[in-house]
Amino acid sequence: MKFINVLEGFKLNLAEGVREIGAGIQEVEDEIAAHWFVVANSTPLTAKQAKARQPDEPAAEAVSESAVDPAAEQAATNEPATEPEPVS
């Protein structure tokens, strides 16, 4: 297995069928990494380089919407708060 860095995902037509290679760091079989189209559209990485480029934990921005405090979100955007209109 080899690591490659793909800038833009693509579909690779093989005798076994079509294989989708997504953008980003991918671990693929040696024969896939050696394919002429993969070589032309990716950069080979060592395992050490691939590990260094991948985050260990999910990003803090990837918080579910249910966990977002609307007041904190509004304060972060620096938009004036809007008061609800009174019901008559």
Protein backbone atom coordinates (compact mmCIF):
# COMPACT_ATOMS: atom_id res chain seq x y z
CA MET A 1 0.00 0.00 0.00
CA LYS A 2 1.16 3.51 -0.82
CA PHE A 3 0.01 6.97 0.16
CA ILE A 4 -0.80 9.59 -2.47
CA ASN A 5 -2.01 13.17 -2.23
CA VAL A 6 -4.77 13.88 -4.76
CA LEU A 7 -5.58 17.55 -5.44
CA GLU A 8 -8.83 16.88 -7.33
CA GLY A 9 -10.76 13.62 -7.17
CA PHE A 10 -11.17 11.52 -10.30
CA LYS A 11 -12.53 8.21 -11.59
CA LEU A 12 -10.03 5.60 -12.69
CA ASN A 13 -11.14 3.11 -15.35
CA LEU A 14 -9.64 -0.32 -14.65
CA ALA A 15 -10.24 -3.78 -16.08
CA GLU A 16 -12.11 -4.65 -12.86
CA GLY A 17 -14.34 -1.58 -13.17
CA VAL A 18 -14.33 2.10 -12.29
CA ARG A 19 -12.67 3.21 -9.05
CA GLU A 20 -13.24 6.64 -7.56
CA ILE A 21 -10.18 8.30 -6.05
CA GLY A 22 -11.19 11.17 -3.78
CA ALA A 23 -9.30 14.38 -3.20
CA GLY A 24 -6.88 14.44 -0.29
CA ILE A 25 -4.52 11.89 1.16
CA GLN A 26 -5.39 8.37 0.03
CA GLU A 27 -3.87 4.98 0.78
CA VAL A 28 -4.04 2.85 -2.37
CA GLU A 29 -2.63 -0.43 -3.62
CA ASP A 30 0.82 -0.34 -5.23
CA GLU A 31 -0.55 -1.11 -8.72
CA ILE A 32 -3.07 1.77 -8.43
CA ALA A 33 -0.33 4.18 -7.28
CA ALA A 34 1.80 3.13 -10.26
CA HIS A 35 -0.99 3.66 -12.84
CA TRP A 36 0.00 6.36 -15.32
CA PHE A 37 -3.11 8.48 -14.70
CA VAL A 38 -2.68 8.34 -10.91
CA VAL A 39 0.99 9.28 -11.25
CA ALA A 40 0.04 12.25 -13.44
CA ASN A 41 -2.70 13.48 -11.08
CA SER A 42 -1.25 12.93 -7.61
CA THR A 43 1.88 13.27 -5.52
CA PRO A 44 3.41 10.25 -3.78
CA LEU A 45 3.82 10.52 0.01
CA THR A 46 5.71 8.48 2.54
CA ALA A 47 3.73 7.06 5.47
CA LYS A 48 5.40 9.62 7.72
CA GLN A 49 4.37 12.52 5.46
CA ALA A 50 0.79 11.21 5.23
CA LYS A 51 0.50 10.89 9.02
CA ALA A 52 1.91 14.40 9.53
CA ARG A 53 -0.63 15.90 7.11
CA GLN A 54 -3.70 14.14 8.54
CA PRO A 55 -5.33 15.63 11.65
CA ASP A 56 -5.39 13.33 14.67
CA GLU A 57 -8.77 14.63 15.88
CA PRO A 58 -11.75 16.09 14.05
CA ALA A 59 -11.56 19.85 13.59
CA ALA A 60 -13.23 22.03 16.18
CA GLU A 61 -15.37 23.56 13.42
CA ALA A 62 -17.01 20.19 12.78
CA VAL A 63 -19.45 20.61 15.66
CA SER A 64 -23.00 19.41 15.13
CA GLU A 65 -25.59 22.13 14.68
CA SER A 66 -27.48 21.02 17.77
CA ALA A 67 -24.44 21.90 19.90
CA VAL A 68 -24.16 25.45 18.53
CA ASP A 69 -25.34 28.21 20.87
CA PRO A 70 -27.30 30.76 18.75
CA ALA A 71 -26.20 33.68 20.97
CA ALA A 72 -22.55 32.69 20.68
CA GLU A 73 -22.90 32.22 16.93
CA GLN A 74 -24.50 35.67 16.60
CA ALA A 75 -21.73 37.24 18.69
CA ALA A 76 -19.10 35.57 16.52
CA THR A 77 -20.57 37.09 13.37
CA ASN A 78 -20.69 40.61 14.90
CA GLU A 79 -24.24 41.12 13.66
CA PRO A 80 -26.67 43.11 15.78
CA ALA A 81 -29.15 40.99 17.72
CA THR A 82 -32.71 41.18 16.52
CA GLU A 83 -35.51 41.22 19.05
CA PRO A 84 -38.60 39.14 18.33
CA GLU A 85 -41.64 41.21 17.46
CA PRO A 86 -44.30 41.37 20.20
CA VAL A 87 -47.43 39.38 19.55
CA SER A 88 -50.66 41.37 19.96
